[in-house]
Amino acid sequence: DRSRMDNVGQSGEVNEFLSQLNNCSERGIFVI
């Protein structure tokens, strides 16, 4: 949860995950 962290770098990592997860099924990817 980004609201509980002070690490800017880790917040960027979560943002990257959010970007990659967006409708990833359209790219043939299913995440568990």
Full PDB file with SEQRES, HELIX, SHEET, SSBOND, CRYST1, ORIGX, SCALE, CONECT and MASTER records, all heavy atoms in Angstrom:
SEQRES   1 A   32  ASP ARG SER ARG MET ASP ASN VAL GLY GLN SER GLY GLU          
SEQRES   2 A   32  VAL ASN GLU PHE LEU SER GLN LEU ASN ASN CYS SER GLU          
SEQRES   3 A   32  ARG GLY ILE PHE VAL ILE                                      
HELIX    1 AA1 ARG A    2  ARG A    4  5                                   3    
HELIX    2 AA2 VAL A    8  LEU A   21  1                                  14    
HELIX    3 AA3 CYS A   24  ARG A   27  5                                   4    
CRYST1    1.000    1.000    1.000  90.00  90.00  90.00 P 1           1          
ORIGX1      1.000000  0.000000  0.000000        0.00000                         
ORIGX2      0.000000  1.000000  0.000000        0.00000                         
ORIGX3      0.000000  0.000000  1.000000        0.00000                         
SCALE1      1.000000  0.000000  0.000000        0.00000                         
SCALE2      0.000000  1.000000  0.000000        0.00000                         
SCALE3      0.000000  0.000000  1.000000        0.00000                         
ATOM      1  N   ASP A   1       0.840  -1.198   0.000  1.00  0.00           N  
ATOM      2  CA  ASP A   1       0.000   0.000   0.000  1.00  0.00           C  
ATOM      3  C   ASP A   1       0.878   1.253   0.000  1.00  0.00           C  
ATOM      4  O   ASP A   1       1.643   1.497   0.933  1.00  0.00           O  
ATOM      5  CB  ASP A   1      -0.894  -0.026   1.244  1.00  0.00           C  
ATOM      6  CG  ASP A   1      -1.983   1.039   1.191  1.00  0.00           C  
ATOM      7  OD1 ASP A   1      -1.836   2.007   0.412  1.00  0.00           O  
ATOM      8  OD2 ASP A   1      -2.970   0.903   1.938  1.00  0.00           O  
ATOM      9  N   ARG A   2       0.770   2.069  -1.044  1.00  0.00           N  
ATOM     10  CA  ARG A   2       1.613   3.264  -1.172  1.00  0.00           C  
ATOM     11  C   ARG A   2       1.324   4.308  -0.104  1.00  0.00           C  
ATOM     12  O   ARG A   2       2.189   5.128   0.217  1.00  0.00           O  
ATOM     13  CB  ARG A   2       1.437   3.882  -2.563  1.00  0.00           C  
ATOM     14  CG  ARG A   2       2.057   3.063  -3.682  1.00  0.00           C  
ATOM     15  CD  ARG A   2       1.584   3.547  -5.034  1.00  0.00           C  
ATOM     16  NE  ARG A   2       0.153   3.329  -5.200  1.00  0.00           N  
ATOM     17  CZ  ARG A   2      -0.556   3.756  -6.233  1.00  0.00           C  
ATOM     18  NH1 ARG A   2       0.040   4.434  -7.206  1.00  0.00           N  
ATOM     19  NH2 ARG A   2      -1.856   3.505  -6.306  1.00  0.00           N  
ATOM     20  N   SER A   3       0.125   4.282   0.467  1.00  0.00           N  
ATOM     21  CA  SER A   3      -0.214   5.266   1.504  1.00  0.00           C  
ATOM     22  C   SER A   3       0.541   5.006   2.800  1.00  0.00           C  
ATOM     23  O   SER A   3       0.579   5.859   3.681  1.00  0.00           O  
ATOM     24  CB  SER A   3      -1.723   5.248   1.773  1.00  0.00           C  
ATOM     25  OG  SER A   3      -2.123   4.017   2.366  1.00  0.00           O  
ATOM     26  N   ARG A   4       1.146   3.811   2.915  1.00  0.00           N  
ATOM     27  CA  ARG A   4       1.853   3.453   4.143  1.00  0.00           C  
ATOM     28  C   ARG A   4       3.371   3.470   3.970  1.00  0.00           C  
ATOM     29  O   ARG A   4       4.095   3.036   4.845  1.00  0.00           O  
ATOM     30  CB  ARG A   4       1.432   2.047   4.596  1.00  0.00           C  
ATOM     31  CG  ARG A   4      -0.052   1.889   4.862  1.00  0.00           C  
ATOM     32  CD  ARG A   4      -0.366   0.471   5.295  1.00  0.00           C  
ATOM     33  NE  ARG A   4      -1.793   0.270   5.501  1.00  0.00           N  
ATOM     34  CZ  ARG A   4      -2.333  -0.899   5.870  1.00  0.00           C  
ATOM     35  NH1 ARG A   4      -1.546  -1.938   6.078  1.00  0.00           N  
ATOM     36  NH2 ARG A   4      -3.642  -1.011   6.038  1.00  0.00           N  
ATOM     37  N   MET A   5       3.851   3.940   2.850  1.00  0.00           N  
ATOM     38  CA  MET A   5       5.299   3.877   2.607  1.00  0.00           C  
ATOM     39  C   MET A   5       5.900   5.260   2.420  1.00  0.00           C  
ATOM     40  O   MET A   5       5.230   6.208   2.003  1.00  0.00           O  
ATOM     41  CB  MET A   5       5.601   3.006   1.381  1.00  0.00           C  
ATOM     42  CG  MET A   5       5.107   3.578   0.062  1.00  0.00           C  
ATOM     43  SD  MET A   5       5.673   2.653  -1.389  1.00  0.00           S  
ATOM     44  CE  MET A   5       4.788   1.102  -1.184  1.00  0.00           C  
ATOM     45  N   ASP A   6       7.182   5.356   2.763  1.00  0.00           N  
ATOM     46  CA  ASP A   6       7.946   6.584   2.586  1.00  0.00           C  
ATOM     47  C   ASP A   6       8.969   6.456   1.454  1.00  0.00           C  
ATOM     48  O   ASP A   6       9.563   7.435   1.036  1.00  0.00           O  
ATOM     49  CB  ASP A   6       8.691   6.940   3.881  1.00  0.00           C  
ATOM     50  CG  ASP A   6       7.742   7.179   5.045  1.00  0.00           C  
ATOM     51  OD1 ASP A   6       6.674   7.788   4.815  1.00  0.00           O  
ATOM     52  OD2 ASP A   6       8.046   6.741   6.170  1.00  0.00           O  
ATOM     53  N   ASN A   7       9.154   5.220   0.987  1.00  0.00           N  
ATOM     54  CA  ASN A   7      10.165   4.940  -0.028  1.00  0.00           C  
ATOM     55  C   ASN A   7       9.629   5.293  -1.412  1.00  0.00           C  
ATOM     56  O   ASN A   7       8.730   4.632  -1.939  1.00  0.00           O  
ATOM     57  CB  ASN A   7      10.543   3.452   0.039  1.00  0.00           C  
ATOM     58  CG  ASN A   7      11.722   3.119  -0.857  1.00  0.00           C  
ATOM     59  OD1 ASN A   7      11.847   3.635  -1.958  1.00  0.00           O  
ATOM     60  ND2 ASN A   7      12.594   2.241  -0.371  1.00  0.00           N  
ATOM     61  N   VAL A   8      10.187   6.367  -1.986  1.00  0.00           N  
ATOM     62  CA  VAL A   8       9.727   6.812  -3.317  1.00  0.00           C  
ATOM     63  C   VAL A   8      10.012   5.754  -4.377  1.00  0.00           C  
ATOM     64  O   VAL A   8       9.201   5.518  -5.277  1.00  0.00           O  
ATOM     65  CB  VAL A   8      10.409   8.136  -3.701  1.00  0.00           C  
ATOM     66  CG1 VAL A   8      10.005   8.554  -5.116  1.00  0.00           C  
ATOM     67  CG2 VAL A   8      10.045   9.221  -2.702  1.00  0.00           C  
ATOM     68  N   GLY A   9      11.161   5.086  -4.252  1.00  0.00           N  
ATOM     69  CA  GLY A   9      11.516   4.060  -5.225  1.00  0.00           C  
ATOM     70  C   GLY A   9      10.513   2.918  -5.230  1.00  0.00           C  
ATOM     71  O   GLY A   9      10.107   2.441  -6.301  1.00  0.00           O  
ATOM     72  N   GLN A  10      10.101   2.485  -4.036  1.00  0.00           N  
ATOM     73  CA  GLN A  10       9.143   1.381  -3.960  1.00  0.00           C  
ATOM     74  C   GLN A  10       7.788   1.810  -4.491  1.00  0.00           C  
ATOM     75  O   GLN A  10       7.068   1.021  -5.100  1.00  0.00           O  
ATOM     76  CB  GLN A  10       9.025   0.882  -2.526  1.00  0.00           C  
ATOM     77  CG  GLN A  10       8.322  -0.463  -2.412  1.00  0.00           C  
ATOM     78  CD  GLN A  10       8.410  -1.047  -1.019  1.00  0.00           C  
ATOM     79  OE1 GLN A  10       8.603  -0.343  -0.035  1.00  0.00           O  
ATOM     80  NE2 GLN A  10       8.273  -2.352  -0.932  1.00  0.00           N  
ATOM     81  N   SER A  11       7.433   3.084  -4.270  1.00  0.00           N  
ATOM     82  CA  SER A  11       6.179   3.599  -4.817  1.00  0.00           C  
ATOM     83  C   SER A  11       6.205   3.529  -6.338  1.00  0.00           C  
ATOM     84  O   SER A  11       5.202   3.192  -6.979  1.00  0.00           O  
ATOM     85  CB  SER A  11       5.975   5.043  -4.356  1.00  0.00           C  
ATOM     86  OG  SER A  11       4.789   5.581  -4.893  1.00  0.00           O  
ATOM     87  N   GLY A  12       7.376   3.804  -6.918  1.00  0.00           N  
ATOM     88  CA  GLY A  12       7.509   3.717  -8.370  1.00  0.00           C  
ATOM     89  C   GLY A  12       7.349   2.298  -8.875  1.00  0.00           C  
ATOM     90  O   GLY A  12       6.805   2.065  -9.963  1.00  0.00           O  
ATOM     91  N   GLU A  13       7.799   1.335  -8.081  1.00  0.00           N  
ATOM     92  CA  GLU A  13       7.659  -0.070  -8.451  1.00  0.00           C  
ATOM     93  C   GLU A  13       6.188  -0.481  -8.475  1.00  0.00           C  
ATOM     94  O   GLU A  13       5.741  -1.215  -9.367  1.00  0.00           O  
ATOM     95  CB  GLU A  13       8.446  -0.941  -7.478  1.00  0.00           C  
ATOM     96  CG  GLU A  13       9.952  -0.734  -7.562  1.00  0.00           C  
ATOM     97  CD  GLU A  13      10.695  -1.233  -6.344  1.00  0.00           C  
ATOM     98  OE1 GLU A  13      10.081  -1.973  -5.550  1.00  0.00           O  
ATOM     99  OE2 GLU A  13      11.873  -0.886  -6.172  1.00  0.00           O  
ATOM    100  N   VAL A  14       5.432  -0.013  -7.491  1.00  0.00           N  
ATOM    101  CA  VAL A  14       3.996  -0.298  -7.470  1.00  0.00           C  
ATOM    102  C   VAL A  14       3.324   0.333  -8.679  1.00  0.00           C  
ATOM    103  O   VAL A  14       2.465  -0.282  -9.325  1.00  0.00           O  
ATOM    104  CB  VAL A  14       3.350   0.210  -6.165  1.00  0.00           C  
ATOM    105  CG1 VAL A  14       1.833  -0.001  -6.206  1.00  0.00           C  
ATOM    106  CG2 VAL A  14       3.943  -0.498  -4.956  1.00  0.00           C  
ATOM    107  N   ASN A  15       3.720   1.563  -8.996  1.00  0.00           N  
ATOM    108  CA  ASN A  15       3.155   2.235 -10.176  1.00  0.00           C  
ATOM    109  C   ASN A  15       3.436   1.449 -11.456  1.00  0.00           C  
ATOM    110  O   ASN A  15       2.594   1.379 -12.357  1.00  0.00           O  
ATOM    111  CB  ASN A  15       3.729   3.650 -10.304  1.00  0.00           C  
ATOM    112  CG  ASN A  15       3.230   4.582  -9.224  1.00  0.00           C  
ATOM    113  OD1 ASN A  15       2.151   4.367  -8.667  1.00  0.00           O  
ATOM    114  ND2 ASN A  15       4.009   5.608  -8.912  1.00  0.00           N  
ATOM    115  N   GLU A  16       4.640   0.870 -11.533  1.00  0.00           N  
ATOM    116  CA  GLU A  16       4.988   0.064 -12.706  1.00  0.00           C  
ATOM    117  C   GLU A  16       4.098  -1.166 -12.789  1.00  0.00           C  
ATOM    118  O   GLU A  16       3.628  -1.536 -13.872  1.00  0.00           O  
ATOM    119  CB  GLU A  16       6.455  -0.346 -12.650  1.00  0.00           C  
ATOM    120  CG  GLU A  16       6.932  -1.165 -13.852  1.00  0.00           C  
ATOM    121  CD  GLU A  16       6.884  -0.404 -15.153  1.00  0.00           C  
ATOM    122  OE1 GLU A  16       7.095   0.830 -15.133  1.00  0.00           O  
ATOM    123  OE2 GLU A  16       6.630  -1.019 -16.203  1.00  0.00           O  
ATOM    124  N   PHE A  17       3.855  -1.810 -11.642  1.00  0.00           N  
ATOM    125  CA  PHE A  17       2.955  -2.963 -11.616  1.00  0.00           C  
ATOM    126  C   PHE A  17       1.557  -2.553 -12.078  1.00  0.00           C  
ATOM    127  O   PHE A  17       0.909  -3.264 -12.860  1.00  0.00           O  
ATOM    128  CB  PHE A  17       2.876  -3.553 -10.206  1.00  0.00           C  
ATOM    129  CG  PHE A  17       3.715  -4.777 -10.008  1.00  0.00           C  
ATOM    130  CD1 PHE A  17       4.831  -4.733  -9.192  1.00  0.00           C  
ATOM    131  CD2 PHE A  17       3.394  -5.981 -10.629  1.00  0.00           C  
ATOM    132  CE1 PHE A  17       5.618  -5.862  -9.005  1.00  0.00           C  
ATOM    133  CE2 PHE A  17       4.171  -7.112 -10.450  1.00  0.00           C  
ATOM    134  CZ  PHE A  17       5.287  -7.052  -9.629  1.00  0.00           C  
ATOM    135  N   LEU A  18       1.076  -1.418 -11.604  1.00  0.00           N  
ATOM    136  CA  LEU A  18      -0.258  -0.953 -11.988  1.00  0.00           C  
ATOM    137  C   LEU A  18      -0.346  -0.766 -13.498  1.00  0.00           C  
ATOM    138  O   LEU A  18      -1.334  -1.145 -14.128  1.00  0.00           O  
ATOM    139  CB  LEU A  18      -0.578   0.365 -11.277  1.00  0.00           C  
ATOM    140  CG  LEU A  18      -0.741   0.302  -9.757  1.00  0.00           C  
ATOM    141  CD1 LEU A  18      -0.944   1.700  -9.180  1.00  0.00           C  
ATOM    142  CD2 LEU A  18      -1.906  -0.596  -9.372  1.00  0.00           C  
ATOM    143  N   SER A  19       0.701  -0.188 -14.060  1.00  0.00           N  
ATOM    144  CA  SER A  19       0.736   0.038 -15.510  1.00  0.00           C  
ATOM    145  C   SER A  19       0.723  -1.284 -16.267  1.00  0.00           C  
ATOM    146  O   SER A  19      -0.010  -1.442 -17.256  1.00  0.00           O  
ATOM    147  CB  SER A  19       1.979   0.848 -15.874  1.00  0.00           C  
ATOM    148  OG  SER A  19       2.103   0.992 -17.272  1.00  0.00           O  
ATOM    149  N   GLN A  20       1.527  -2.241 -15.823  1.00  0.00           N  
ATOM    150  CA  GLN A  20       1.629  -3.528 -16.516  1.00  0.00           C  
ATOM    151  C   GLN A  20       0.367  -4.378 -16.344  1.00  0.00           C  
ATOM    152  O   GLN A  20       0.002  -5.144 -17.241  1.00  0.00           O  
ATOM    153  CB  GLN A  20       2.844  -4.303 -16.003  1.00  0.00           C  
ATOM    154  CG  GLN A  20       4.185  -3.657 -16.303  1.00  0.00           C  
ATOM    155  CD  GLN A  20       4.500  -3.632 -17.787  1.00  0.00           C  
ATOM    156  OE1 GLN A  20       3.939  -4.378 -18.584  1.00  0.00           O  
ATOM    157  NE2 GLN A  20       5.430  -2.752 -18.176  1.00  0.00           N  
ATOM    158  N   LEU A  21      -0.294  -4.235 -15.194  1.00  0.00           N  
ATOM    159  CA  LEU A  21      -1.496  -5.034 -14.928  1.00  0.00           C  
ATOM    160  C   LEU A  21      -2.706  -4.537 -15.706  1.00  0.00           C  
ATOM    161  O   LEU A  21      -3.651  -5.299 -15.933  1.00  0.00           O  
ATOM    162  CB  LEU A  21      -1.824  -5.018 -13.433  1.00  0.00           C  
ATOM    163  CG  LEU A  21      -0.917  -5.848 -12.520  1.00  0.00           C  
ATOM    164  CD1 LEU A  21      -1.208  -5.529 -11.054  1.00  0.00           C  
ATOM    165  CD2 LEU A  21      -1.108  -7.340 -12.778  1.00  0.00           C  
ATOM    166  N   ASN A  22      -2.697  -3.277 -16.102  1.00  0.00           N  
ATOM    167  CA  ASN A  22      -3.850  -2.710 -16.808  1.00  0.00           C  
ATOM    168  C   ASN A  22      -4.198  -3.529 -18.049  1.00  0.00           C  
ATOM    169  O   ASN A  22      -3.452  -3.538 -19.025  1.00  0.00           O  
ATOM    170  CB  ASN A  22      -3.568  -1.261 -17.222  1.00  0.00           C  
ATOM    171  CG  ASN A  22      -3.911  -0.270 -16.129  1.00  0.00           C  
ATOM    172  OD1 ASN A  22      -4.781  -0.521 -15.308  1.00  0.00           O  
ATOM    173  ND2 ASN A  22      -3.209   0.858 -16.116  1.00  0.00           N  
ATOM    174  N   ASN A  23      -5.336  -4.227 -17.973  1.00  0.00           N  
ATOM    175  CA  ASN A  23      -5.819  -5.008 -19.115  1.00  0.00           C  
ATOM    176  C   ASN A  23      -4.737  -5.897 -19.726  1.00  0.00           C  
ATOM    177  O   ASN A  23      -4.640  -6.031 -20.953  1.00  0.00           O  
ATOM    178  CB  ASN A  23      -6.382  -4.064 -20.178  1.00  0.00           C  
ATOM    179  CG  ASN A  23      -7.536  -3.229 -19.658  1.00  0.00           C  
ATOM    180  OD1 ASN A  23      -8.434  -3.753 -19.003  1.00  0.00           O  
ATOM    181  ND2 ASN A  23      -7.512  -1.943 -19.921  1.00  0.00           N  
ATOM    182  N   CYS A  24      -3.917  -6.517 -18.865  1.00  0.00           N  
ATOM    183  CA  CYS A  24      -2.842  -7.373 -19.382  1.00  0.00           C  
ATOM    184  C   CYS A  24      -3.380  -8.602 -20.108  1.00  0.00           C  
ATOM    185  O   CYS A  24      -2.664  -9.227 -20.891  1.00  0.00           O  
ATOM    186  CB  CYS A  24      -1.892  -7.787 -18.256  1.00  0.00           C  
ATOM    187  SG  CYS A  24      -2.635  -8.750 -16.931  1.00  0.00           S  
ATOM    188  N   SER A  25      -4.641  -8.938 -19.883  1.00  0.00           N  
ATOM    189  CA  SER A  25      -5.230 -10.089 -20.584  1.00  0.00           C  
ATOM    190  C   SER A  25      -5.246  -9.863 -22.090  1.00  0.00           C  
ATOM    191  O   SER A  25      -5.193 -10.815 -22.874  1.00  0.00           O  
ATOM    192  CB  SER A  25      -6.652 -10.345 -20.084  1.00  0.00           C  
ATOM    193  OG  SER A  25      -7.495  -9.229 -20.346  1.00  0.00           O  
ATOM    194  N   GLU A  26      -5.320  -8.602 -22.495  1.00  0.00           N  
ATOM    195  CA  GLU A  26      -5.309  -8.288 -23.927  1.00  0.00           C  
ATOM    196  C   GLU A  26      -3.960  -8.614 -24.557  1.00  0.00           C  
ATOM    197  O   GLU A  26      -3.846  -8.712 -25.774  1.00  0.00           O  
ATOM    198  CB  GLU A  26      -5.658  -6.809 -24.129  1.00  0.00           C  
ATOM    199  CG  GLU A  26      -7.075  -6.464 -23.676  1.00  0.00           C  
ATOM    200  CD  GLU A  26      -7.371  -4.980 -23.795  1.00  0.00           C  
ATOM    201  OE1 GLU A  26      -6.497  -4.232 -24.292  1.00  0.00           O  
ATOM    202  OE2 GLU A  26      -8.474  -4.571 -23.393  1.00  0.00           O  
ATOM    203  N   ARG A  27      -2.940  -8.779 -23.714  1.00  0.00           N  
ATOM    204  CA  ARG A  27      -1.602  -9.159 -24.188  1.00  0.00           C  
ATOM    205  C   ARG A  27      -1.367 -10.654 -24.018  1.00  0.00           C  
ATOM    206  O   ARG A  27      -0.256 -11.138 -24.216  1.00  0.00           O  
ATOM    207  CB  ARG A  27      -0.546  -8.368 -23.414  1.00  0.00           C  
ATOM    208  CG  ARG A  27      -0.675  -6.873 -23.569  1.00  0.00           C  
ATOM    209  CD  ARG A  27       0.051  -6.118 -22.457  1.00  0.00           C  
ATOM    210  NE  ARG A  27       1.478  -6.391 -22.432  1.00  0.00           N  
ATOM    211  CZ  ARG A  27       2.292  -5.997 -21.451  1.00  0.00           C  
ATOM    212  NH1 ARG A  27       1.795  -5.323 -20.418  1.00  0.00           N  
ATOM    213  NH2 ARG A  27       3.572  -6.280 -21.495  1.00  0.00           N  
ATOM    214  N   GLY A  28      -2.414 -11.387 -23.605  1.00  0.00           N  
ATOM    215  CA  GLY A  28      -2.286 -12.836 -23.418  1.00  0.00           C  
ATOM    216  C   GLY A  28      -1.665 -13.225 -22.092  1.00  0.00           C  
ATOM    217  O   GLY A  28      -1.111 -14.319 -21.967  1.00  0.00           O  
ATOM    218  N   ILE A  29      -1.762 -12.342 -21.098  1.00  0.00           N  
ATOM    219  CA  ILE A  29      -1.146 -12.585 -19.799  1.00  0.00           C  
ATOM    220  C   ILE A  29      -2.222 -12.692 -18.727  1.00  0.00           C  
ATOM    221  O   ILE A  29      -3.109 -11.830 -18.626  1.00  0.00           O  
ATOM    222  CB  ILE A  29      -0.178 -11.447 -19.422  1.00  0.00           C  
ATOM    223  CG1 ILE A  29       0.921 -11.297 -20.478  1.00  0.00           C  
ATOM    224  CG2 ILE A  29       0.434 -11.689 -18.042  1.00  0.00           C  
ATOM    225  CD1 ILE A  29       1.774 -10.044 -20.308  1.00  0.00           C  
ATOM    226  N   PHE A  30      -2.147 -13.735 -17.923  1.00  0.00           N  
ATOM    227  CA  PHE A  30      -3.027 -13.871 -16.762  1.00  0.00           C  
ATOM    228  C   PHE A  30      -2.160 -13.918 -15.516  1.00  0.00           C  
ATOM    229  O   PHE A  30      -1.191 -14.671 -15.450  1.00  0.00           O  
ATOM    230  CB  PHE A  30      -3.885 -15.134 -16.851  1.00  0.00           C  
ATOM    231  CG  PHE A  30      -4.816 -15.293 -15.681  1.00  0.00           C  
ATOM    232  CD1 PHE A  30      -5.954 -14.509 -15.584  1.00  0.00           C  
ATOM    233  CD2 PHE A  30      -4.539 -16.184 -14.659  1.00  0.00           C  
ATOM    234  CE1 PHE A  30      -6.807 -14.627 -14.483  1.00  0.00           C  
ATOM    235  CE2 PHE A  30      -5.382 -16.314 -13.568  1.00  0.00           C  
ATOM    236  CZ  PHE A  30      -6.517 -15.526 -13.486  1.00  0.00           C  
ATOM    237  N   VAL A  31      -2.496 -13.105 -14.529  1.00  0.00           N  
ATOM    238  CA  VAL A  31      -1.697 -12.982 -13.315  1.00  0.00           C  
ATOM    239  C   VAL A  31      -2.393 -13.656 -12.138  1.00  0.00           C  
ATOM    240  O   VAL A  31      -3.595 -13.458 -11.921  1.00  0.00           O  
ATOM    241  CB  VAL A  31      -1.438 -11.496 -12.974  1.00  0.00           C  
ATOM    242  CG1 VAL A  31      -0.817 -11.356 -11.585  1.00  0.00           C  
ATOM    243  CG2 VAL A  31      -0.522 -10.865 -14.026  1.00  0.00           C  
ATOM    244  N   ILE A  32      -1.631 -14.461 -11.392  1.00  0.00           N  
ATOM    245  CA  ILE A  32      -2.118 -15.010 -10.130  1.00  0.00           C  
ATOM    246  C   ILE A  32      -1.214 -14.480  -9.023  1.00  0.00           C  
ATOM    247  O   ILE A  32       0.016 -14.621  -9.084  1.00  0.00           O  
ATOM    248  CB  ILE A  32      -2.080 -16.551 -10.111  1.00  0.00           C  
ATOM    249  CG1 ILE A  32      -2.989 -17.123 -11.198  1.00  0.00           C  
ATOM    250  CG2 ILE A  32      -2.519 -17.086  -8.741  1.00  0.00           C  
ATOM    251  CD1 ILE A  32      -2.953 -18.654 -11.272  1.00  0.00           C  
TER     252      ILE A  32                                                      
MASTER        0    0    0    3    0    0    0    6  251    1    0    3          
END                                                                             
